[in-house]
Amino acid sequence: MPISADRFEELGDDRDGDGPTPGTNASKILTFLRNHPDTAFTQSEIAAETAVKPGSVGPTLVRLRERGRVDHRGHYWRVSDHERALDEATGQSGAALSAREGDEETPRMEAWQEHAVDPRTHRDE
């Protein structure tokens, strides 16, 4: 069934969410690489550690690289610096929010959202 252009824009893409759909090969691979941010792996090592079929690892990594989620050099793959920065920012934001709640300060997200910049869509020119 067709949808309007406005509805299409509301859908967004996987960059607007938390990442690939849980349980997919992309999710398994990205989760594994995120859990080992300081290490690069070969495709066969990733297949062995994630239980993703070896024939699916390569094409999945290529799609993740096209979306800026992983980096590739030679035979090795790792989580991208951009993805690592997003993980760190999320962790820092959670810690800051938790600290405010501990101080019995109720954060006002509306005020924050008025000035927030999404690093996934903002590019310095």
C-alpha atoms as a PDB file:
ATOM      1  CA  MET A   1       0.000   0.000   0.000  1.00  0.00           C
ATOM      2  CA  PRO A   2       1.479   3.400  -0.948  1.00  0.00           C
ATOM      3  CA  ILE A   3       2.175   6.007   1.722  1.00  0.00           C
ATOM      4  CA  SER A   4       2.446   9.783   1.545  1.00  0.00           C
ATOM      5  CA  ALA A   5       5.768  11.589   1.344  1.00  0.00           C
ATOM      6  CA  ASP A   6       5.128  13.013   4.818  1.00  0.00           C
ATOM      7  CA  ARG A   7       4.586   9.530   6.249  1.00  0.00           C
ATOM      8  CA  PHE A   8       7.722   8.318   4.453  1.00  0.00           C
ATOM      9  CA  GLU A   9       9.769  11.084   6.112  1.00  0.00           C
ATOM     10  CA  GLU A  10       8.395  10.082   9.528  1.00  0.00           C
ATOM     11  CA  LEU A  11       9.711   6.536   9.077  1.00  0.00           C
ATOM     12  CA  GLY A  12      13.391   7.526   9.034  1.00  0.00           C
ATOM     13  CA  ASP A  13      16.117   4.961   8.439  1.00  0.00           C
ATOM     14  CA  ASP A  14      18.197   2.726  10.718  1.00  0.00           C
ATOM     15  CA  ARG A  15      20.537   5.628  11.488  1.00  0.00           C
ATOM     16  CA  ASP A  16      17.668   7.314  13.301  1.00  0.00           C
ATOM     17  CA  GLY A  17      17.200   4.325  15.582  1.00  0.00           C
ATOM     18  CA  ASP A  18      19.587   2.338  17.679  1.00  0.00           C
ATOM     19  CA  GLY A  19      20.917   0.355  14.754  1.00  0.00           C
ATOM     20  CA  PRO A  20      20.140  -2.849  12.932  1.00  0.00           C
ATOM     21  CA  THR A  21      17.114  -4.922  13.876  1.00  0.00           C
ATOM     22  CA  PRO A  22      17.957  -7.201  16.818  1.00  0.00           C
ATOM     23  CA  GLY A  23      18.663 -10.779  15.820  1.00  0.00           C
ATOM     24  CA  THR A  24      19.841  -9.940  12.292  1.00  0.00           C
ATOM     25  CA  ASN A  25      23.333 -10.702  11.033  1.00  0.00           C
ATOM     26  CA  ALA A  26      24.114  -6.982  11.027  1.00  0.00           C
ATOM     27  CA  SER A  27      23.047  -6.681  14.656  1.00  0.00           C
ATOM     28  CA  LYS A  28      25.091  -9.716  15.716  1.00  0.00           C
ATOM     29  CA  ILE A  29      28.215  -8.473  13.950  1.00  0.00           C
ATOM     30  CA  LEU A  30      27.880  -4.856  15.107  1.00  0.00           C
ATOM     31  CA  THR A  31      27.232  -5.930  18.700  1.00  0.00           C
ATOM     32  CA  PHE A  32      30.313  -8.158  18.643  1.00  0.00           C
ATOM     33  CA  LEU A  33      32.517  -5.397  17.225  1.00  0.00           C
ATOM     34  CA  ARG A  34      31.113  -2.832  19.685  1.00  0.00           C
ATOM     35  CA  ASN A  35      32.020  -5.184  22.530  1.00  0.00           C
ATOM     36  CA  HIS A  36      35.628  -5.233  21.236  1.00  0.00           C
ATOM     37  CA  PRO A  37      36.200  -1.585  20.238  1.00  0.00           C
ATOM     38  CA  ASP A  38      40.004  -1.744  20.373  1.00  0.00           C
ATOM     39  CA  THR A  39      40.390  -4.857  18.212  1.00  0.00           C
ATOM     40  CA  ALA A  40      40.082  -5.544  14.479  1.00  0.00           C
ATOM     41  CA  PHE A  41      39.044  -8.964  13.169  1.00  0.00           C
ATOM     42  CA  THR A  42      39.095 -10.920   9.925  1.00  0.00           C
ATOM     43  CA  GLN A  43      35.832 -12.073   8.375  1.00  0.00           C
ATOM     44  CA  SER A  44      36.482 -15.658   9.457  1.00  0.00           C
ATOM     45  CA  GLU A  45      37.138 -14.572  13.041  1.00  0.00           C
ATOM     46  CA  ILE A  46      33.904 -12.575  13.048  1.00  0.00           C
ATOM     47  CA  ALA A  47      31.997 -15.568  11.652  1.00  0.00           C
ATOM     48  CA  ALA A  48      33.414 -17.855  14.348  1.00  0.00           C
ATOM     49  CA  GLU A  49      32.600 -15.428  17.169  1.00  0.00           C
ATOM     50  CA  THR A  50      29.099 -14.446  16.027  1.00  0.00           C
ATOM     51  CA  ALA A  51      27.784 -17.716  14.545  1.00  0.00           C
ATOM     52  CA  VAL A  52      26.910 -15.788  11.365  1.00  0.00           C
ATOM     53  CA  LYS A  53      27.434 -17.964   8.277  1.00  0.00           C
ATOM     54  CA  PRO A  54      30.824 -17.195   6.681  1.00  0.00           C
ATOM     55  CA  GLY A  55      29.166 -16.425   3.328  1.00  0.00           C
ATOM     56  CA  SER A  56      26.980 -13.771   4.954  1.00  0.00           C
ATOM     57  CA  VAL A  57      29.683 -11.997   6.948  1.00  0.00           C
ATOM     58  CA  GLY A  58      31.341 -10.245   3.975  1.00  0.00           C
ATOM     59  CA  PRO A  59      28.193  -8.746   2.427  1.00  0.00           C
ATOM     60  CA  THR A  60      26.930  -7.700   5.864  1.00  0.00           C
ATOM     61  CA  LEU A  61      30.217  -5.969   6.689  1.00  0.00           C
ATOM     62  CA  VAL A  62      30.121  -4.131   3.362  1.00  0.00           C
ATOM     63  CA  ARG A  63      26.619  -2.807   4.142  1.00  0.00           C
ATOM     64  CA  LEU A  64      27.731  -1.763   7.642  1.00  0.00           C
ATOM     65  CA  ARG A  65      30.765   0.006   6.145  1.00  0.00           C
ATOM     66  CA  GLU A  66      28.546   1.854   3.645  1.00  0.00           C
ATOM     67  CA  ARG A  67      26.497   3.120   6.611  1.00  0.00           C
ATOM     68  CA  GLY A  68      29.621   4.264   8.457  1.00  0.00           C
ATOM     69  CA  ARG A  69      29.310   1.714  11.249  1.00  0.00           C
ATOM     70  CA  VAL A  70      32.490  -0.292  10.604  1.00  0.00           C
ATOM     71  CA  ASP A  71      35.948   0.399   9.172  1.00  0.00           C
ATOM     72  CA  HIS A  72      37.935  -1.881   6.878  1.00  0.00           C
ATOM     73  CA  ARG A  73      41.672  -2.110   6.221  1.00  0.00           C
ATOM     74  CA  GLY A  74      43.299  -4.999   4.414  1.00  0.00           C
ATOM     75  CA  HIS A  75      41.676  -8.178   5.738  1.00  0.00           C
ATOM     76  CA  TYR A  76      40.555  -6.583   9.000  1.00  0.00           C
ATOM     77  CA  TRP A  77      37.308  -5.019  10.201  1.00  0.00           C
ATOM     78  CA  ARG A  78      36.503  -3.040  13.344  1.00  0.00           C
ATOM     79  CA  VAL A  79      33.734  -0.852  14.723  1.00  0.00           C
ATOM     80  CA  SER A  80      34.059   2.659  13.284  1.00  0.00           C
ATOM     81  CA  ASP A  81      35.292   5.644  15.259  1.00  0.00           C
ATOM     82  CA  HIS A  82      31.930   7.281  14.578  1.00  0.00           C
ATOM     83  CA  GLU A  83      30.067   4.317  16.051  1.00  0.00           C
ATOM     84  CA  ARG A  84      32.398   4.277  19.047  1.00  0.00           C
ATOM     85  CA  ALA A  85      31.795   7.997  19.591  1.00  0.00           C
ATOM     86  CA  LEU A  86      28.031   7.428  19.533  1.00  0.00           C
ATOM     87  CA  ASP A  87      28.384   4.636  22.104  1.00  0.00           C
ATOM     88  CA  GLU A  88      30.517   6.875  24.337  1.00  0.00           C
ATOM     89  CA  ALA A  89      28.101   9.805  24.017  1.00  0.00           C
ATOM     90  CA  THR A  90      25.170   7.572  24.880  1.00  0.00           C
ATOM     91  CA  GLY A  91      26.980   6.236  27.927  1.00  0.00           C
ATOM     92  CA  GLN A  92      27.966   9.722  29.059  1.00  0.00           C
ATOM     93  CA  SER A  93      24.420  11.020  28.599  1.00  0.00           C
ATOM     94  CA  GLY A  94      23.030   8.135  30.615  1.00  0.00           C
ATOM     95  CA  ALA A  95      25.526   8.763  33.404  1.00  0.00           C
ATOM     96  CA  ALA A  96      24.728  12.491  33.460  1.00  0.00           C
ATOM     97  CA  LEU A  97      20.998  11.809  33.565  1.00  0.00           C
ATOM     98  CA  SER A  98      21.470   9.274  36.345  1.00  0.00           C
ATOM     99  CA  ALA A  99      23.537  11.761  38.369  1.00  0.00           C
ATOM    100  CA  ARG A 100      20.837  14.423  38.002  1.00  0.00           C
ATOM    101  CA  GLU A 101      18.155  12.003  39.110  1.00  0.00           C
ATOM    102  CA  GLY A 102      20.317  11.088  42.102  1.00  0.00           C
ATOM    103  CA  ASP A 103      20.425  14.753  43.050  1.00  0.00           C
ATOM    104  CA  GLU A 104      16.620  14.792  42.804  1.00  0.00           C
ATOM    105  CA  GLU A 105      16.792  17.140  39.829  1.00  0.00           C
ATOM    106  CA  THR A 106      14.195  16.359  37.206  1.00  0.00           C
ATOM    107  CA  PRO A 107      15.724  16.851  33.749  1.00  0.00           C
ATOM    108  CA  ARG A 108      13.672  18.779  31.225  1.00  0.00           C
ATOM    109  CA  MET A 109      14.180  17.006  27.920  1.00  0.00           C
ATOM    110  CA  GLU A 110      12.113  19.575  25.995  1.00  0.00           C
ATOM    111  CA  ALA A 111      14.679  22.271  26.761  1.00  0.00           C
ATOM    112  CA  TRP A 112      17.532  20.000  25.779  1.00  0.00           C
ATOM    113  CA  GLN A 113      15.910  18.909  22.511  1.00  0.00           C
ATOM    114  CA  GLU A 114      15.538  22.537  21.367  1.00  0.00           C
ATOM    115  CA  HIS A 115      19.338  22.815  21.186  1.00  0.00           C
ATOM    116  CA  ALA A 116      20.440  19.213  20.600  1.00  0.00           C
ATOM    117  CA  VAL A 117      22.481  18.304  17.547  1.00  0.00           C
ATOM    118  CA  ASP A 118      22.279  14.758  16.231  1.00  0.00           C
ATOM    119  CA  PRO A 119      25.898  13.783  15.355  1.00  0.00           C
ATOM    120  CA  ARG A 120      24.610  11.213  12.857  1.00  0.00           C
ATOM    121  CA  THR A 121      23.044  13.904  10.684  1.00  0.00           C
ATOM    122  CA  HIS A 122      25.145  16.986  11.519  1.00  0.00           C
ATOM    123  CA  ARG A 123      28.260  17.463   9.400  1.00  0.00           C
ATOM    124  CA  ASP A 124      30.815  20.225   9.868  1.00  0.00           C
ATOM    125  CA  GLU A 125      31.432  21.963   6.590  1.00  0.00           C
END
